[in-house]
Amino acid sequence: MRTRLGICRRKQPFASEEAALRIAAQAPFPLRPYRCELCRQFHLTSRTKGLRLPRFEAGTQEVRKPPYNVVKTAPKSLPPLPASLNAS
């Protein structure tokens, strides 16, 4: 995750991942630690895309299935247009 300098300066730095995890476990919403490329310390983020789950959340998350069914067959042909729309 790339952190901009202004964001890095506003966030609380943690010397270790364990220290960040202790604070994240107390938060009322999910937070995850990551190592900042700028300061080389750990920060907390609420973003989840592409980050691994912390140990205290690993067993509590359910696997999400896509909200749609993927059909791998050829689509059915469309019904013919009504005569009023077929102006050719």
N, C-alpha and C. Protein backbone atom coordinates (compact mmCIF):
# COMPACT_ATOMS: atom_id res chain seq x y z
N MET A 1 0.85 -1.15 0.00
CA MET A 1 0.00 0.00 0.00
C MET A 1 0.90 1.23 0.00
N ARG A 2 0.64 2.16 -0.84
CA ARG A 2 1.42 3.38 -0.91
C ARG A 2 0.74 4.46 -0.07
N THR A 3 1.51 5.03 0.84
CA THR A 3 0.99 6.10 1.69
C THR A 3 1.65 7.40 1.28
N ARG A 4 0.85 8.44 1.09
CA ARG A 4 1.41 9.75 0.77
C ARG A 4 2.02 10.35 2.03
N LEU A 5 2.97 11.25 1.84
CA LEU A 5 3.69 11.85 2.96
C LEU A 5 2.75 12.54 3.93
N GLY A 6 1.77 13.29 3.44
CA GLY A 6 0.83 13.98 4.32
C GLY A 6 0.01 13.01 5.16
N ILE A 7 -0.37 11.88 4.59
CA ILE A 7 -1.14 10.86 5.31
C ILE A 7 -0.25 10.21 6.36
N CYS A 8 0.98 9.89 5.98
CA CYS A 8 1.92 9.26 6.91
C CYS A 8 2.14 10.14 8.13
N ARG A 9 2.28 11.41 7.95
CA ARG A 9 2.53 12.33 9.07
C ARG A 9 1.32 12.43 10.00
N ARG A 10 0.11 12.26 9.47
CA ARG A 10 -1.09 12.36 10.30
C ARG A 10 -1.41 11.07 11.06
N LYS A 11 -0.91 9.94 10.57
CA LYS A 11 -1.23 8.66 11.19
C LYS A 11 -0.29 8.37 12.36
N GLN A 12 -0.82 7.60 13.31
CA GLN A 12 -0.03 7.18 14.47
C GLN A 12 0.96 6.11 14.03
N PRO A 13 2.26 6.31 14.24
CA PRO A 13 3.23 5.27 13.90
C PRO A 13 3.36 4.26 15.04
N PHE A 14 3.55 3.00 14.68
CA PHE A 14 3.79 1.94 15.65
C PHE A 14 5.11 1.29 15.31
N ALA A 15 5.93 1.00 16.32
CA ALA A 15 7.25 0.43 16.10
C ALA A 15 7.17 -1.03 15.64
N SER A 16 6.12 -1.74 16.04
CA SER A 16 6.01 -3.15 15.65
C SER A 16 4.58 -3.45 15.21
N GLU A 17 4.46 -4.54 14.48
CA GLU A 17 3.13 -4.98 14.03
C GLU A 17 2.28 -5.41 15.22
N GLU A 18 2.91 -6.01 16.22
CA GLU A 18 2.18 -6.46 17.40
C GLU A 18 1.54 -5.28 18.14
N ALA A 19 2.28 -4.18 18.25
CA ALA A 19 1.72 -2.99 18.91
C ALA A 19 0.53 -2.45 18.13
N ALA A 20 0.63 -2.43 16.83
CA ALA A 20 -0.48 -1.97 15.99
C ALA A 20 -1.67 -2.92 16.11
N LEU A 21 -1.41 -4.22 16.17
CA LEU A 21 -2.49 -5.20 16.30
C LEU A 21 -3.23 -5.07 17.63
N ARG A 22 -2.51 -4.73 18.70
CA ARG A 22 -3.17 -4.54 20.00
C ARG A 22 -4.17 -3.39 19.93
N ILE A 23 -3.80 -2.31 19.29
CA ILE A 23 -4.70 -1.16 19.16
C ILE A 23 -5.86 -1.51 18.21
N ALA A 24 -5.56 -2.22 17.11
CA ALA A 24 -6.58 -2.60 16.14
C ALA A 24 -7.64 -3.50 16.77
N ALA A 25 -7.22 -4.37 17.68
CA ALA A 25 -8.16 -5.29 18.33
C ALA A 25 -9.14 -4.54 19.22
N GLN A 26 -8.77 -3.37 19.70
CA GLN A 26 -9.64 -2.60 20.59
C GLN A 26 -10.59 -1.67 19.83
N ALA A 27 -10.37 -1.49 18.55
CA ALA A 27 -11.18 -0.55 17.76
C ALA A 27 -12.58 -1.11 17.54
N PRO A 28 -13.59 -0.25 17.45
CA PRO A 28 -14.96 -0.72 17.23
C PRO A 28 -15.24 -1.11 15.78
N PHE A 29 -14.28 -0.94 14.89
CA PHE A 29 -14.42 -1.31 13.48
C PHE A 29 -13.13 -1.98 13.05
N PRO A 30 -13.14 -2.75 11.96
CA PRO A 30 -11.94 -3.50 11.55
C PRO A 30 -10.81 -2.58 11.10
N LEU A 31 -9.64 -2.77 11.69
CA LEU A 31 -8.42 -2.07 11.29
C LEU A 31 -7.34 -3.11 11.07
N ARG A 32 -6.47 -2.82 10.13
CA ARG A 32 -5.37 -3.73 9.82
C ARG A 32 -4.07 -2.95 9.76
N PRO A 33 -2.98 -3.55 10.28
CA PRO A 33 -1.69 -2.87 10.22
C PRO A 33 -1.01 -3.08 8.87
N TYR A 34 -0.20 -2.14 8.50
CA TYR A 34 0.65 -2.27 7.31
C TYR A 34 1.92 -1.49 7.54
N ARG A 35 3.00 -1.92 6.89
CA ARG A 35 4.28 -1.23 7.02
C ARG A 35 4.31 -0.10 5.99
N CYS A 36 4.58 1.10 6.47
CA CYS A 36 4.64 2.28 5.62
C CYS A 36 5.97 2.30 4.87
N GLU A 37 5.92 2.54 3.59
CA GLU A 37 7.14 2.60 2.78
C GLU A 37 7.94 3.87 3.04
N LEU A 38 7.31 4.88 3.62
CA LEU A 38 8.01 6.15 3.86
C LEU A 38 8.76 6.16 5.18
N CYS A 39 8.07 5.83 6.27
CA CYS A 39 8.69 5.91 7.60
C CYS A 39 9.18 4.55 8.10
N ARG A 40 8.87 3.48 7.40
CA ARG A 40 9.26 2.11 7.76
C ARG A 40 8.67 1.64 9.09
N GLN A 41 7.64 2.32 9.57
CA GLN A 41 6.94 1.87 10.77
C GLN A 41 5.57 1.36 10.34
N PHE A 42 4.77 0.95 11.30
CA PHE A 42 3.45 0.41 11.00
C PHE A 42 2.39 1.47 11.25
N HIS A 43 1.38 1.48 10.40
CA HIS A 43 0.19 2.31 10.54
C HIS A 43 -1.02 1.39 10.50
N LEU A 44 -2.18 1.93 10.83
CA LEU A 44 -3.43 1.17 10.75
C LEU A 44 -4.28 1.71 9.62
N THR A 45 -4.98 0.81 8.95
CA THR A 45 -5.88 1.20 7.88
C THR A 45 -7.18 0.43 8.01
N SER A 46 -8.25 1.04 7.50
CA SER A 46 -9.54 0.33 7.47
C SER A 46 -9.75 -0.32 6.12
N ARG A 47 -8.88 -0.04 5.17
CA ARG A 47 -8.99 -0.67 3.85
C ARG A 47 -8.63 -2.14 3.95
N THR A 48 -9.34 -2.96 3.19
CA THR A 48 -9.15 -4.41 3.31
C THR A 48 -8.68 -5.07 2.02
N LYS A 49 -8.78 -4.40 0.93
CA LYS A 49 -8.46 -5.02 -0.35
C LYS A 49 -6.97 -5.34 -0.43
N GLY A 50 -6.66 -6.60 -0.63
CA GLY A 50 -5.28 -7.02 -0.82
C GLY A 50 -4.47 -7.17 0.44
N LEU A 51 -5.04 -6.98 1.61
CA LEU A 51 -4.30 -7.11 2.85
C LEU A 51 -4.69 -8.41 3.53
N ARG A 52 -3.74 -9.02 4.22
CA ARG A 52 -4.05 -10.26 4.93
C ARG A 52 -4.79 -9.94 6.22
N LEU A 53 -5.58 -10.90 6.68
CA LEU A 53 -6.34 -10.71 7.91
C LEU A 53 -5.42 -10.86 9.11
N PRO A 54 -5.56 -10.02 10.13
CA PRO A 54 -4.80 -10.20 11.36
C PRO A 54 -5.23 -11.48 12.07
N ARG A 55 -4.39 -11.97 12.95
CA ARG A 55 -4.67 -13.22 13.65
C ARG A 55 -5.97 -13.18 14.43
N PHE A 56 -6.30 -12.04 15.05
CA PHE A 56 -7.52 -11.99 15.85
C PHE A 56 -8.78 -11.97 14.99
N GLU A 57 -8.68 -11.71 13.68
CA GLU A 57 -9.84 -11.70 12.79
C GLU A 57 -9.90 -12.92 11.90
N ALA A 58 -8.85 -13.71 11.86
CA ALA A 58 -8.75 -14.81 10.90
C ALA A 58 -9.90 -15.80 11.01
N GLY A 59 -10.36 -16.11 12.21
CA GLY A 59 -11.43 -17.08 12.37
C GLY A 59 -12.81 -16.48 12.37
N THR A 60 -12.95 -15.17 12.37
CA THR A 60 -14.26 -14.55 12.49
C THR A 60 -14.87 -14.15 11.16
N GLN A 61 -14.10 -14.14 10.11
CA GLN A 61 -14.60 -13.71 8.80
C GLN A 61 -15.18 -14.91 8.06
N GLU A 62 -16.33 -14.73 7.46
CA GLU A 62 -16.92 -15.77 6.63
C GLU A 62 -16.49 -15.53 5.19
N VAL A 63 -16.42 -16.60 4.44
CA VAL A 63 -16.03 -16.49 3.04
C VAL A 63 -17.21 -15.93 2.26
N ARG A 64 -16.96 -14.86 1.53
CA ARG A 64 -18.04 -14.25 0.74
C ARG A 64 -18.06 -14.84 -0.65
N LYS A 65 -19.26 -15.16 -1.09
CA LYS A 65 -19.44 -15.66 -2.45
C LYS A 65 -19.88 -14.50 -3.33
N PRO A 66 -19.57 -14.56 -4.61
CA PRO A 66 -20.05 -13.49 -5.48
C PRO A 66 -21.56 -13.40 -5.46
N PRO A 67 -22.13 -12.20 -5.61
CA PRO A 67 -23.60 -12.06 -5.54
C PRO A 67 -24.30 -12.49 -6.81
N TYR A 68 -23.61 -13.11 -7.69
CA TYR A 68 -24.21 -13.52 -8.96
C TYR A 68 -23.71 -14.91 -9.30
N ASN A 69 -24.45 -15.60 -10.16
CA ASN A 69 -24.03 -16.92 -10.63
C ASN A 69 -23.34 -16.75 -11.96
N VAL A 70 -22.17 -17.33 -12.07
CA VAL A 70 -21.42 -17.26 -13.32
C VAL A 70 -21.90 -18.41 -14.20
N VAL A 71 -22.40 -18.08 -15.37
CA VAL A 71 -22.89 -19.07 -16.31
C VAL A 71 -21.86 -19.22 -17.41
N LYS A 72 -21.40 -20.44 -17.62
CA LYS A 72 -20.36 -20.67 -18.61
C LYS A 72 -20.91 -21.32 -19.87
N THR A 73 -22.19 -21.11 -20.15
CA THR A 73 -22.80 -21.64 -21.35
C THR A 73 -23.08 -20.49 -22.31
N ALA A 74 -23.33 -20.82 -23.54
CA ALA A 74 -23.63 -19.79 -24.53
C ALA A 74 -24.98 -19.15 -24.20
N PRO A 75 -25.12 -17.85 -24.40
CA PRO A 75 -26.39 -17.20 -24.10
C PRO A 75 -27.50 -17.68 -25.04
N LYS A 76 -28.72 -17.69 -24.55
CA LYS A 76 -29.86 -18.08 -25.36
C LYS A 76 -30.16 -16.97 -26.36
N SER A 77 -30.78 -17.35 -27.45
CA SER A 77 -31.11 -16.34 -28.45
C SER A 77 -32.22 -15.44 -27.93
N LEU A 78 -32.22 -14.21 -28.36
CA LEU A 78 -33.22 -13.24 -27.93
C LEU A 78 -34.52 -13.47 -28.67
N PRO A 79 -35.66 -13.16 -28.06
CA PRO A 79 -36.94 -13.31 -28.76
C PRO A 79 -37.05 -12.24 -29.85
N PRO A 80 -37.84 -12.48 -30.87
CA PRO A 80 -37.96 -11.51 -31.95
C PRO A 80 -38.61 -10.21 -31.45
N LEU A 81 -38.26 -9.11 -32.10
CA LEU A 81 -38.84 -7.81 -31.75
C LEU A 81 -40.30 -7.77 -32.15
N PRO A 82 -41.12 -7.01 -31.44
CA PRO A 82 -42.52 -6.85 -31.85
C PRO A 82 -42.59 -6.14 -33.20
N ALA A 83 -43.67 -6.34 -33.92
CA ALA A 83 -43.81 -5.76 -35.24
C ALA A 83 -43.77 -4.24 -35.20
N SER A 84 -44.24 -3.63 -34.12
CA SER A 84 -44.25 -2.18 -34.04
C SER A 84 -42.82 -1.60 -33.93
N LEU A 85 -41.87 -2.36 -33.42
CA LEU A 85 -40.49 -1.90 -33.32
C LEU A 85 -39.65 -2.32 -34.52
N ASN A 86 -40.10 -3.29 -35.25
CA ASN A 86 -39.34 -3.79 -36.38
C ASN A 86 -39.72 -2.95 -37.61
N ALA A 87 -39.03 -1.83 -37.83
CA ALA A 87 -39.40 -0.88 -38.88
C ALA A 87 -38.63 -1.11 -40.17
N SER A 88 -38.04 -2.23 -40.38
CA SER A 88 -37.27 -2.43 -41.60
C SER A 88 -38.03 -3.03 -42.72
